């Protein structure tokens, strides 16, 4: 399953939005792993997808490491 976190929340600092995303992905893992589903976190390039929260591979890597799920 491909996951795209959505748009930047201009009312929330990036660090808080990252923390919320990590928590949401952890909860999703708890639900999806027993069903044999795998999530793929996809950064979208800012040129074609302006305003998306996840736009760089290193950012996605950091989030995946923080989620800490196989």
N, C-alpha and C. Protein backbone atom coordinates (compact mmCIF):
# COMPACT_ATOMS: atom_id res chain seq x y z
N UNK A 1 0.84 -1.16 0.00
CA UNK A 1 0.00 0.00 0.00
C UNK A 1 0.89 1.23 0.00
N UNK A 2 0.66 2.13 -0.92
CA UNK A 2 1.42 3.37 -0.99
C UNK A 2 0.76 4.42 -0.09
N UNK A 3 1.58 5.08 0.72
CA UNK A 3 1.08 6.08 1.65
C UNK A 3 1.69 7.43 1.30
N UNK A 4 0.85 8.43 1.13
CA UNK A 4 1.27 9.81 0.92
C UNK A 4 0.67 10.62 2.07
N UNK A 5 1.50 11.20 2.94
CA UNK A 5 0.99 11.84 4.14
C UNK A 5 0.09 13.06 3.95
N UNK A 6 0.11 13.69 2.82
CA UNK A 6 -0.77 14.84 2.61
C UNK A 6 -0.01 16.15 2.60
N UNK A 7 -0.76 17.22 2.80
CA UNK A 7 -0.22 18.57 2.67
C UNK A 7 0.41 19.08 3.96
N UNK A 8 1.31 20.04 3.80
CA UNK A 8 1.90 20.73 4.93
C UNK A 8 0.79 21.48 5.66
N UNK A 9 0.78 21.37 6.97
CA UNK A 9 -0.17 22.11 7.80
C UNK A 9 0.52 23.41 8.21
N UNK A 10 0.09 24.51 7.65
CA UNK A 10 0.73 25.79 7.90
C UNK A 10 0.50 26.29 9.33
N UNK A 11 -0.43 25.68 10.05
CA UNK A 11 -0.72 26.06 11.43
C UNK A 11 0.14 25.30 12.44
N UNK A 12 0.95 24.36 11.95
CA UNK A 12 1.70 23.47 12.83
C UNK A 12 3.16 23.46 12.42
N UNK A 13 4.05 23.57 13.39
CA UNK A 13 5.47 23.52 13.08
C UNK A 13 5.83 22.14 12.51
N UNK A 14 6.82 22.10 11.63
CA UNK A 14 7.18 20.88 10.92
C UNK A 14 7.50 19.72 11.88
N UNK A 15 8.19 20.01 12.98
CA UNK A 15 8.54 18.97 13.93
C UNK A 15 7.32 18.31 14.54
N UNK A 16 6.30 19.11 14.86
CA UNK A 16 5.07 18.56 15.41
C UNK A 16 4.33 17.73 14.36
N UNK A 17 4.30 18.22 13.14
CA UNK A 17 3.63 17.47 12.09
C UNK A 17 4.34 16.14 11.85
N UNK A 18 5.66 16.16 11.90
CA UNK A 18 6.44 14.92 11.74
C UNK A 18 6.10 13.94 12.86
N UNK A 19 6.04 14.44 14.09
CA UNK A 19 5.71 13.58 15.23
C UNK A 19 4.33 12.97 15.08
N UNK A 20 3.36 13.76 14.64
CA UNK A 20 2.00 13.24 14.44
C UNK A 20 1.98 12.17 13.34
N UNK A 21 2.74 12.39 12.28
CA UNK A 21 2.81 11.43 11.19
C UNK A 21 3.42 10.12 11.68
N UNK A 22 4.49 10.20 12.45
CA UNK A 22 5.14 8.99 12.97
C UNK A 22 4.16 8.20 13.84
N UNK A 23 3.44 8.88 14.70
CA UNK A 23 2.46 8.21 15.56
C UNK A 23 1.34 7.56 14.73
N UNK A 24 0.86 8.26 13.73
CA UNK A 24 -0.20 7.71 12.87
C UNK A 24 0.30 6.47 12.12
N UNK A 25 1.54 6.52 11.64
CA UNK A 25 2.08 5.36 10.92
C UNK A 25 2.30 4.18 11.86
N UNK A 26 2.72 4.44 13.08
CA UNK A 26 2.86 3.36 14.07
C UNK A 26 1.52 2.68 14.32
N UNK A 27 0.48 3.48 14.48
CA UNK A 27 -0.86 2.91 14.70
C UNK A 27 -1.33 2.12 13.48
N UNK A 28 -1.04 2.64 12.30
CA UNK A 28 -1.41 1.93 11.07
C UNK A 28 -0.67 0.60 10.98
N UNK A 29 0.60 0.58 11.37
CA UNK A 29 1.38 -0.66 11.36
C UNK A 29 0.74 -1.70 12.26
N UNK A 30 0.29 -1.27 13.42
CA UNK A 30 -0.35 -2.20 14.36
C UNK A 30 -1.59 -2.85 13.74
N UNK A 31 -2.28 -2.13 12.88
CA UNK A 31 -3.48 -2.67 12.23
C UNK A 31 -3.17 -3.48 10.98
N UNK A 32 -2.18 -3.03 10.21
CA UNK A 32 -1.92 -3.62 8.90
C UNK A 32 -1.00 -4.84 8.93
N UNK A 33 -0.01 -4.83 9.81
CA UNK A 33 0.94 -5.94 9.84
C UNK A 33 0.28 -7.29 10.06
N UNK A 34 -0.67 -7.43 11.01
CA UNK A 34 -1.31 -8.73 11.19
C UNK A 34 -2.06 -9.22 9.94
N UNK A 35 -2.44 -8.29 9.08
CA UNK A 35 -3.14 -8.65 7.84
C UNK A 35 -2.19 -8.92 6.69
N UNK A 36 -0.89 -8.78 6.93
CA UNK A 36 0.10 -9.03 5.89
C UNK A 36 0.27 -7.89 4.90
N UNK A 37 -0.22 -6.70 5.26
CA UNK A 37 -0.08 -5.54 4.38
C UNK A 37 1.19 -4.76 4.72
N UNK A 38 1.81 -4.23 3.69
CA UNK A 38 3.05 -3.46 3.83
C UNK A 38 2.79 -2.05 3.30
N UNK A 39 3.19 -1.06 4.08
CA UNK A 39 3.08 0.33 3.63
C UNK A 39 4.39 0.78 2.99
N UNK A 40 4.26 1.56 1.95
CA UNK A 40 5.40 2.19 1.30
C UNK A 40 5.17 3.69 1.38
N UNK A 41 6.07 4.38 2.04
CA UNK A 41 5.96 5.82 2.22
C UNK A 41 6.58 6.51 1.01
N UNK A 42 5.79 7.31 0.31
CA UNK A 42 6.27 7.90 -0.95
C UNK A 42 6.38 9.42 -0.87
N UNK A 43 7.62 9.93 -0.98
CA UNK A 43 7.78 11.38 -1.10
C UNK A 43 7.39 11.82 -2.51
N UNK A 44 6.74 12.95 -2.62
CA UNK A 44 6.34 13.48 -3.93
C UNK A 44 7.14 14.74 -4.23
N UNK A 45 7.59 14.84 -5.46
CA UNK A 45 8.42 15.99 -5.82
C UNK A 45 7.61 17.28 -5.74
N UNK A 46 8.24 18.34 -5.21
CA UNK A 46 7.52 19.60 -5.02
C UNK A 46 7.16 20.32 -6.31
N UNK A 47 7.82 19.97 -7.40
CA UNK A 47 7.52 20.62 -8.68
C UNK A 47 6.12 20.25 -9.17
N UNK A 48 5.80 18.95 -9.12
CA UNK A 48 4.51 18.47 -9.61
C UNK A 48 3.45 18.36 -8.52
N UNK A 49 3.89 18.38 -7.26
CA UNK A 49 2.97 18.16 -6.13
C UNK A 49 3.25 19.20 -5.05
N UNK A 50 3.03 20.43 -5.36
CA UNK A 50 3.32 21.53 -4.44
C UNK A 50 2.54 21.40 -3.14
N UNK A 51 3.22 21.69 -2.04
CA UNK A 51 2.56 21.72 -0.74
C UNK A 51 2.50 20.40 0.00
N UNK A 52 3.02 19.34 -0.61
CA UNK A 52 3.00 18.04 0.06
C UNK A 52 4.00 18.03 1.21
N UNK A 53 3.63 17.42 2.32
CA UNK A 53 4.50 17.39 3.49
C UNK A 53 5.78 16.60 3.22
N UNK A 54 5.64 15.46 2.59
CA UNK A 54 6.79 14.58 2.36
C UNK A 54 7.30 14.78 0.94
N UNK A 55 8.47 15.43 0.83
CA UNK A 55 8.97 15.77 -0.50
C UNK A 55 10.40 15.31 -0.76
N UNK A 56 11.07 14.75 0.23
CA UNK A 56 12.47 14.34 0.06
C UNK A 56 12.68 12.93 0.61
N UNK A 57 13.53 12.18 -0.04
CA UNK A 57 13.83 10.81 0.39
C UNK A 57 14.46 10.78 1.79
N UNK A 58 15.41 11.67 2.12
CA UNK A 58 15.96 11.63 3.48
C UNK A 58 14.90 11.87 4.56
N UNK A 59 13.91 12.70 4.27
CA UNK A 59 12.83 12.95 5.21
C UNK A 59 12.01 11.66 5.40
N UNK A 60 11.72 10.96 4.32
CA UNK A 60 10.99 9.69 4.40
C UNK A 60 11.79 8.65 5.18
N UNK A 61 13.09 8.61 4.94
CA UNK A 61 13.97 7.67 5.65
C UNK A 61 13.94 7.94 7.16
N UNK A 62 14.03 9.20 7.53
CA UNK A 62 13.98 9.58 8.94
C UNK A 62 12.67 9.14 9.60
N UNK A 63 11.59 9.34 8.91
CA UNK A 63 10.28 8.96 9.43
C UNK A 63 10.16 7.46 9.54
N UNK A 64 10.60 6.72 8.53
CA UNK A 64 10.54 5.26 8.57
C UNK A 64 11.38 4.72 9.72
N UNK A 65 12.55 5.28 9.93
CA UNK A 65 13.40 4.85 11.07
C UNK A 65 12.70 5.11 12.39
N UNK A 66 12.03 6.23 12.51
CA UNK A 66 11.33 6.56 13.75
C UNK A 66 10.12 5.66 14.00
N UNK A 67 9.45 5.25 12.92
CA UNK A 67 8.31 4.35 13.08
C UNK A 67 8.80 2.99 13.58
N UNK A 68 9.96 2.57 13.12
CA UNK A 68 10.63 1.37 13.62
C UNK A 68 9.76 0.12 13.49
N UNK A 69 9.30 -0.13 12.29
CA UNK A 69 8.48 -1.31 12.01
C UNK A 69 9.07 -2.05 10.82
N UNK A 70 9.09 -3.37 10.91
CA UNK A 70 9.63 -4.13 9.75
C UNK A 70 8.78 -3.94 8.52
